[in-house]
N, C-alpha and C. Protein backbone atom coordinates (compact mmCIF):
# COMPACT_ATOMS: atom_id res chain seq x y z
N MET A 1 -22.49 116.98 -40.53
CA MET A 1 -21.83 117.99 -39.74
C MET A 1 -22.84 119.06 -39.33
N SER A 2 -22.69 119.57 -38.17
CA SER A 2 -23.68 120.48 -37.63
C SER A 2 -23.28 121.94 -37.80
N ASP A 3 -24.23 122.75 -38.19
CA ASP A 3 -24.00 124.19 -38.25
C ASP A 3 -24.56 124.88 -37.02
N ASP A 4 -25.15 124.12 -36.13
CA ASP A 4 -25.76 124.65 -34.92
C ASP A 4 -24.69 125.24 -34.02
N LYS A 5 -24.83 126.54 -33.70
CA LYS A 5 -23.83 127.22 -32.88
C LYS A 5 -23.69 126.58 -31.50
N ALA A 6 -24.74 125.94 -31.00
CA ALA A 6 -24.69 125.32 -29.67
C ALA A 6 -23.71 124.14 -29.65
N THR A 7 -23.48 123.50 -30.80
CA THR A 7 -22.59 122.34 -30.81
C THR A 7 -21.16 122.72 -31.15
N ASN A 8 -20.94 123.83 -31.80
CA ASN A 8 -19.58 124.21 -32.20
C ASN A 8 -18.73 124.53 -30.98
N GLY A 9 -17.59 123.87 -30.92
CA GLY A 9 -16.68 124.11 -29.81
C GLY A 9 -17.04 123.39 -28.53
N ALA A 10 -18.12 122.60 -28.55
CA ALA A 10 -18.50 121.86 -27.34
C ALA A 10 -17.37 120.91 -26.97
N ARG A 11 -17.20 120.71 -25.67
CA ARG A 11 -16.11 119.88 -25.16
C ARG A 11 -16.62 118.45 -24.95
N ILE A 12 -16.01 117.51 -25.68
CA ILE A 12 -16.44 116.11 -25.67
C ILE A 12 -15.35 115.25 -25.04
N LEU A 13 -15.68 114.59 -23.94
CA LEU A 13 -14.77 113.64 -23.32
C LEU A 13 -14.77 112.35 -24.13
N LEU A 14 -13.59 111.86 -24.46
CA LEU A 14 -13.45 110.61 -25.18
C LEU A 14 -12.75 109.59 -24.30
N VAL A 15 -13.46 108.50 -23.98
CA VAL A 15 -12.90 107.40 -23.20
C VAL A 15 -12.87 106.19 -24.13
N GLU A 16 -11.68 105.85 -24.59
CA GLU A 16 -11.51 104.80 -25.60
C GLU A 16 -10.12 104.21 -25.47
N ASP A 17 -10.02 102.89 -25.28
CA ASP A 17 -8.71 102.26 -25.09
C ASP A 17 -8.07 101.76 -26.38
N SER A 18 -8.79 101.80 -27.49
CA SER A 18 -8.22 101.39 -28.78
C SER A 18 -7.62 102.61 -29.48
N PRO A 19 -6.29 102.60 -29.70
CA PRO A 19 -5.68 103.74 -30.38
C PRO A 19 -6.28 104.03 -31.75
N VAL A 20 -6.62 102.99 -32.50
CA VAL A 20 -7.19 103.18 -33.84
C VAL A 20 -8.55 103.88 -33.75
N MET A 21 -9.44 103.36 -32.88
CA MET A 21 -10.77 103.97 -32.72
C MET A 21 -10.65 105.38 -32.15
N SER A 22 -9.72 105.56 -31.23
CA SER A 22 -9.54 106.86 -30.61
C SER A 22 -9.15 107.91 -31.65
N LEU A 23 -8.16 107.60 -32.47
CA LEU A 23 -7.72 108.56 -33.49
C LEU A 23 -8.82 108.86 -34.50
N LYS A 24 -9.52 107.82 -34.93
CA LYS A 24 -10.62 107.99 -35.89
C LYS A 24 -11.71 108.89 -35.29
N THR A 25 -12.05 108.64 -34.03
CA THR A 25 -13.10 109.41 -33.37
C THR A 25 -12.66 110.85 -33.12
N GLU A 26 -11.43 111.03 -32.66
CA GLU A 26 -10.90 112.38 -32.45
C GLU A 26 -10.97 113.20 -33.73
N ASP A 27 -10.51 112.61 -34.82
CA ASP A 27 -10.52 113.32 -36.11
C ASP A 27 -11.94 113.72 -36.50
N ALA A 28 -12.89 112.80 -36.37
CA ALA A 28 -14.27 113.09 -36.74
C ALA A 28 -14.84 114.22 -35.87
N LEU A 29 -14.56 114.18 -34.58
CA LEU A 29 -15.06 115.22 -33.68
C LEU A 29 -14.46 116.58 -34.01
N ARG A 30 -13.15 116.61 -34.19
CA ARG A 30 -12.48 117.89 -34.49
C ARG A 30 -12.96 118.47 -35.82
N GLU A 31 -13.11 117.60 -36.83
CA GLU A 31 -13.59 118.07 -38.13
C GLU A 31 -15.01 118.64 -38.04
N SER A 32 -15.75 118.21 -37.03
CA SER A 32 -17.13 118.70 -36.85
C SER A 32 -17.20 119.89 -35.90
N GLY A 33 -16.06 120.39 -35.47
CA GLY A 33 -16.03 121.60 -34.65
C GLY A 33 -16.05 121.37 -33.15
N TYR A 34 -15.84 120.15 -32.71
CA TYR A 34 -15.82 119.86 -31.28
C TYR A 34 -14.39 119.92 -30.74
N PHE A 35 -14.27 120.17 -29.43
CA PHE A 35 -13.00 120.12 -28.74
C PHE A 35 -12.94 118.79 -28.00
N VAL A 36 -11.90 118.01 -28.23
CA VAL A 36 -11.79 116.69 -27.61
C VAL A 36 -11.04 116.79 -26.28
N VAL A 37 -11.69 116.31 -25.22
CA VAL A 37 -11.07 116.21 -23.91
C VAL A 37 -10.56 114.78 -23.79
N GLY A 38 -9.28 114.63 -23.55
CA GLY A 38 -8.65 113.32 -23.51
C GLY A 38 -7.92 113.10 -24.82
N PRO A 39 -7.93 111.91 -25.29
CA PRO A 39 -8.70 110.75 -24.85
C PRO A 39 -8.11 110.09 -23.61
N ALA A 40 -8.98 109.42 -22.89
CA ALA A 40 -8.57 108.62 -21.74
C ALA A 40 -8.46 107.18 -22.23
N TYR A 41 -7.28 106.60 -22.07
CA TYR A 41 -7.02 105.23 -22.53
C TYR A 41 -7.17 104.19 -21.43
N ASP A 42 -7.31 104.64 -20.17
CA ASP A 42 -7.46 103.71 -19.05
C ASP A 42 -8.40 104.30 -18.01
N MET A 43 -8.80 103.49 -17.05
CA MET A 43 -9.79 103.93 -16.05
C MET A 43 -9.30 105.07 -15.17
N PRO A 44 -8.06 105.06 -14.65
CA PRO A 44 -7.65 106.20 -13.83
C PRO A 44 -7.76 107.53 -14.57
N ALA A 45 -7.33 107.57 -15.82
CA ALA A 45 -7.42 108.80 -16.61
C ALA A 45 -8.89 109.16 -16.88
N ALA A 46 -9.70 108.17 -17.18
CA ALA A 46 -11.11 108.41 -17.45
C ALA A 46 -11.82 108.98 -16.23
N LEU A 47 -11.57 108.40 -15.08
CA LEU A 47 -12.19 108.88 -13.84
C LEU A 47 -11.74 110.30 -13.52
N ASP A 48 -10.46 110.58 -13.71
CA ASP A 48 -9.92 111.91 -13.45
C ASP A 48 -10.56 112.95 -14.37
N LEU A 49 -10.56 112.69 -15.67
CA LEU A 49 -11.12 113.65 -16.62
C LEU A 49 -12.63 113.83 -16.43
N ALA A 50 -13.33 112.73 -16.17
CA ALA A 50 -14.79 112.82 -15.98
C ALA A 50 -15.13 113.64 -14.74
N GLY A 51 -14.27 113.59 -13.75
CA GLY A 51 -14.56 114.29 -12.50
C GLY A 51 -14.14 115.73 -12.45
N ARG A 52 -13.13 116.12 -13.24
CA ARG A 52 -12.60 117.48 -13.07
C ARG A 52 -12.68 118.38 -14.29
N GLU A 53 -12.81 117.81 -15.48
CA GLU A 53 -12.81 118.63 -16.69
C GLU A 53 -14.19 119.22 -16.98
N GLN A 54 -14.19 120.37 -17.65
CA GLN A 54 -15.43 120.94 -18.16
C GLN A 54 -15.77 120.16 -19.42
N ILE A 55 -16.92 119.49 -19.42
CA ILE A 55 -17.33 118.70 -20.58
C ILE A 55 -18.81 118.90 -20.85
N ASP A 56 -19.14 118.89 -22.13
CA ASP A 56 -20.54 119.07 -22.55
C ASP A 56 -21.21 117.74 -22.87
N ALA A 57 -20.42 116.74 -23.24
CA ALA A 57 -20.93 115.40 -23.54
C ALA A 57 -19.74 114.45 -23.53
N ALA A 58 -20.03 113.15 -23.60
CA ALA A 58 -18.94 112.17 -23.56
C ALA A 58 -19.25 110.96 -24.44
N ILE A 59 -18.18 110.34 -24.90
CA ILE A 59 -18.23 109.08 -25.62
C ILE A 59 -17.44 108.11 -24.75
N VAL A 60 -18.10 107.07 -24.25
CA VAL A 60 -17.45 106.18 -23.29
C VAL A 60 -17.53 104.73 -23.76
N ASP A 61 -16.37 104.13 -23.95
CA ASP A 61 -16.30 102.71 -24.29
C ASP A 61 -16.74 101.92 -23.05
N LEU A 62 -17.59 100.93 -23.26
CA LEU A 62 -18.12 100.12 -22.16
C LEU A 62 -17.03 99.32 -21.45
N ASN A 63 -16.03 98.87 -22.20
CA ASN A 63 -14.94 98.08 -21.63
C ASN A 63 -13.61 98.79 -21.85
N ILE A 64 -12.98 99.17 -20.75
CA ILE A 64 -11.69 99.86 -20.82
C ILE A 64 -10.63 98.95 -20.21
N ARG A 65 -9.79 98.41 -21.06
CA ARG A 65 -8.70 97.53 -20.61
C ARG A 65 -9.16 96.47 -19.62
N GLY A 66 -10.28 95.82 -19.97
CA GLY A 66 -10.80 94.73 -19.15
C GLY A 66 -11.70 95.13 -18.00
N GLU A 67 -11.92 96.44 -17.83
CA GLU A 67 -12.80 96.93 -16.77
C GLU A 67 -14.05 97.57 -17.37
N LYS A 68 -15.19 97.36 -16.74
CA LYS A 68 -16.40 98.05 -17.16
C LYS A 68 -16.28 99.52 -16.75
N SER A 69 -16.80 100.41 -17.56
CA SER A 69 -16.65 101.85 -17.33
C SER A 69 -17.79 102.44 -16.50
N PHE A 70 -18.51 101.62 -15.76
CA PHE A 70 -19.64 102.12 -14.97
C PHE A 70 -19.28 103.25 -14.01
N PRO A 71 -18.11 103.21 -13.33
CA PRO A 71 -17.77 104.34 -12.45
C PRO A 71 -17.67 105.67 -13.19
N VAL A 72 -17.21 105.63 -14.43
CA VAL A 72 -17.14 106.85 -15.24
C VAL A 72 -18.55 107.34 -15.56
N LEU A 73 -19.44 106.40 -15.92
CA LEU A 73 -20.82 106.77 -16.23
C LEU A 73 -21.50 107.38 -15.01
N GLU A 74 -21.20 106.86 -13.83
CA GLU A 74 -21.79 107.40 -12.60
C GLU A 74 -21.34 108.83 -12.36
N ILE A 75 -20.06 109.11 -12.58
CA ILE A 75 -19.56 110.49 -12.43
C ILE A 75 -20.24 111.42 -13.42
N LEU A 76 -20.29 111.00 -14.68
CA LEU A 76 -20.91 111.84 -15.71
C LEU A 76 -22.39 112.08 -15.38
N ASN A 77 -23.09 111.04 -15.00
CA ASN A 77 -24.50 111.16 -14.65
C ASN A 77 -24.69 112.14 -13.49
N GLY A 78 -23.83 112.04 -12.48
CA GLY A 78 -23.90 112.94 -11.33
C GLY A 78 -23.64 114.39 -11.69
N ARG A 79 -22.89 114.60 -12.75
CA ARG A 79 -22.59 115.97 -13.22
C ARG A 79 -23.55 116.42 -14.31
N ASN A 80 -24.56 115.60 -14.62
CA ASN A 80 -25.53 115.89 -15.68
C ASN A 80 -24.87 116.07 -17.04
N VAL A 81 -23.86 115.26 -17.30
CA VAL A 81 -23.18 115.28 -18.60
C VAL A 81 -23.75 114.13 -19.43
N PRO A 82 -24.38 114.43 -20.57
CA PRO A 82 -24.92 113.36 -21.41
C PRO A 82 -23.79 112.57 -22.06
N PHE A 83 -24.05 111.28 -22.32
CA PHE A 83 -23.02 110.44 -22.91
C PHE A 83 -23.62 109.37 -23.80
N VAL A 84 -22.76 108.87 -24.70
CA VAL A 84 -23.09 107.73 -25.54
C VAL A 84 -22.11 106.62 -25.16
N ILE A 85 -22.62 105.41 -25.03
CA ILE A 85 -21.81 104.25 -24.67
C ILE A 85 -21.47 103.50 -25.96
N THR A 86 -20.20 103.14 -26.12
CA THR A 86 -19.78 102.37 -27.29
C THR A 86 -19.22 101.02 -26.85
N SER A 87 -19.30 100.05 -27.75
CA SER A 87 -18.71 98.75 -27.48
C SER A 87 -18.49 98.00 -28.78
N GLY A 88 -17.42 97.23 -28.80
CA GLY A 88 -17.13 96.37 -29.92
C GLY A 88 -17.56 94.94 -29.66
N TYR A 89 -18.11 94.70 -28.47
CA TYR A 89 -18.55 93.36 -28.09
C TYR A 89 -20.05 93.22 -28.29
N ALA A 90 -20.49 92.00 -28.54
CA ALA A 90 -21.92 91.75 -28.69
C ALA A 90 -22.63 91.80 -27.34
N ASP A 91 -21.90 91.57 -26.27
CA ASP A 91 -22.48 91.56 -24.92
C ASP A 91 -22.61 92.98 -24.37
N TRP A 92 -23.84 93.44 -24.28
CA TRP A 92 -24.13 94.78 -23.74
C TRP A 92 -24.64 94.67 -22.31
N THR A 93 -24.24 93.64 -21.58
CA THR A 93 -24.70 93.46 -20.21
C THR A 93 -24.25 94.64 -19.36
N MET A 94 -25.23 95.26 -18.72
CA MET A 94 -24.94 96.40 -17.86
C MET A 94 -26.11 96.63 -16.92
N PRO A 95 -25.88 97.41 -15.86
CA PRO A 95 -26.98 97.69 -14.94
C PRO A 95 -28.16 98.36 -15.66
N GLU A 96 -29.33 98.10 -15.15
CA GLU A 96 -30.58 98.63 -15.73
C GLU A 96 -30.53 100.14 -15.96
N GLU A 97 -29.91 100.87 -15.05
CA GLU A 97 -29.88 102.33 -15.14
C GLU A 97 -29.21 102.86 -16.40
N TRP A 98 -28.34 102.05 -17.03
CA TRP A 98 -27.65 102.49 -18.23
C TRP A 98 -28.24 101.90 -19.52
N MET A 99 -29.20 101.00 -19.40
CA MET A 99 -29.73 100.29 -20.57
C MET A 99 -30.39 101.21 -21.61
N GLU A 100 -31.00 102.27 -21.17
CA GLU A 100 -31.71 103.15 -22.10
C GLU A 100 -30.84 104.29 -22.63
N ARG A 101 -29.60 104.34 -22.23
CA ARG A 101 -28.71 105.41 -22.71
C ARG A 101 -28.33 105.17 -24.17
N PRO A 102 -28.02 106.25 -24.89
CA PRO A 102 -27.62 106.09 -26.30
C PRO A 102 -26.39 105.19 -26.42
N ARG A 103 -26.40 104.34 -27.46
CA ARG A 103 -25.30 103.41 -27.67
C ARG A 103 -24.89 103.39 -29.14
N LEU A 104 -23.65 103.00 -29.35
CA LEU A 104 -23.14 102.77 -30.70
C LEU A 104 -22.29 101.52 -30.69
N GLN A 105 -22.56 100.62 -31.63
CA GLN A 105 -21.77 99.41 -31.79
C GLN A 105 -20.53 99.75 -32.61
N LYS A 106 -19.35 99.34 -32.14
CA LYS A 106 -18.11 99.57 -32.88
C LYS A 106 -17.88 98.42 -33.85
N PRO A 107 -17.33 98.69 -35.01
CA PRO A 107 -16.94 100.02 -35.48
C PRO A 107 -18.15 100.79 -35.96
N TYR A 108 -18.25 102.03 -35.57
CA TYR A 108 -19.41 102.85 -35.94
C TYR A 108 -19.02 103.80 -37.07
N GLU A 109 -20.05 104.23 -37.77
CA GLU A 109 -19.86 105.22 -38.82
C GLU A 109 -19.67 106.59 -38.17
N GLU A 110 -18.73 107.36 -38.69
CA GLU A 110 -18.46 108.69 -38.14
C GLU A 110 -19.72 109.55 -38.14
N GLU A 111 -20.50 109.46 -39.20
CA GLU A 111 -21.71 110.27 -39.32
C GLU A 111 -22.71 109.94 -38.21
N ALA A 112 -22.84 108.65 -37.89
CA ALA A 112 -23.75 108.23 -36.81
C ALA A 112 -23.27 108.78 -35.47
N LEU A 113 -21.97 108.74 -35.25
CA LEU A 113 -21.40 109.28 -34.01
C LEU A 113 -21.67 110.78 -33.89
N ILE A 114 -21.39 111.51 -34.94
CA ILE A 114 -21.56 112.97 -34.91
C ILE A 114 -23.03 113.33 -34.70
N LYS A 115 -23.95 112.59 -35.30
CA LYS A 115 -25.38 112.85 -35.10
C LYS A 115 -25.76 112.64 -33.64
N LYS A 116 -25.29 111.53 -33.04
CA LYS A 116 -25.62 111.26 -31.64
C LYS A 116 -25.05 112.33 -30.72
N ILE A 117 -23.80 112.71 -30.95
CA ILE A 117 -23.18 113.74 -30.11
C ILE A 117 -23.90 115.08 -30.31
N GLY A 118 -24.25 115.39 -31.53
CA GLY A 118 -24.98 116.63 -31.80
C GLY A 118 -26.30 116.68 -31.04
N ARG A 119 -27.01 115.55 -30.99
CA ARG A 119 -28.28 115.50 -30.24
C ARG A 119 -28.02 115.70 -28.75
N LEU A 120 -27.00 115.03 -28.22
CA LEU A 120 -26.71 115.14 -26.79
C LEU A 120 -26.34 116.57 -26.41
N VAL A 121 -25.47 117.18 -27.19
CA VAL A 121 -25.05 118.56 -26.90
C VAL A 121 -26.22 119.52 -27.07
N GLY A 122 -27.03 119.29 -28.11
CA GLY A 122 -28.20 120.14 -28.35
C GLY A 122 -29.22 120.04 -27.23
N GLU A 123 -29.45 118.82 -26.72
CA GLU A 123 -30.39 118.62 -25.61
C GLU A 123 -29.89 119.32 -24.34
N LYS A 124 -28.59 119.23 -24.10
CA LYS A 124 -28.03 119.86 -22.90
C LYS A 124 -28.13 121.38 -23.00
N ALA A 125 -27.84 121.92 -24.20
CA ALA A 125 -27.89 123.36 -24.40
C ALA A 125 -29.31 123.90 -24.37
N GLY A 126 -30.26 123.05 -24.78
CA GLY A 126 -31.65 123.46 -24.88
C GLY A 126 -32.33 123.33 -23.59
């Protein structure tokens, strides 16, 4: 958990279609002092929140109800919002532009998630 004032209260967009993973992730974020935007369970909600909400970082599932989340990543990238990509599948096939972005394989450890988000928020604040 971070004591860094830059991360406390940061707004984190959560794009996750699994209710179990979503609840687990929301709880971990809130316990660490973050404000959760969403969660978005489908692409229309994800696109809407990514485009209009004030967000400091995002956690985006690579596959949302059978669709790749690349349009969401494009919006976030255009707004200079850092993000971590998550997936429960072994196939990480994606365009080259997203290959070097931070990733987490599901199911992930809460501590690993919080560390990645803390780095993203810290980099943006710094």
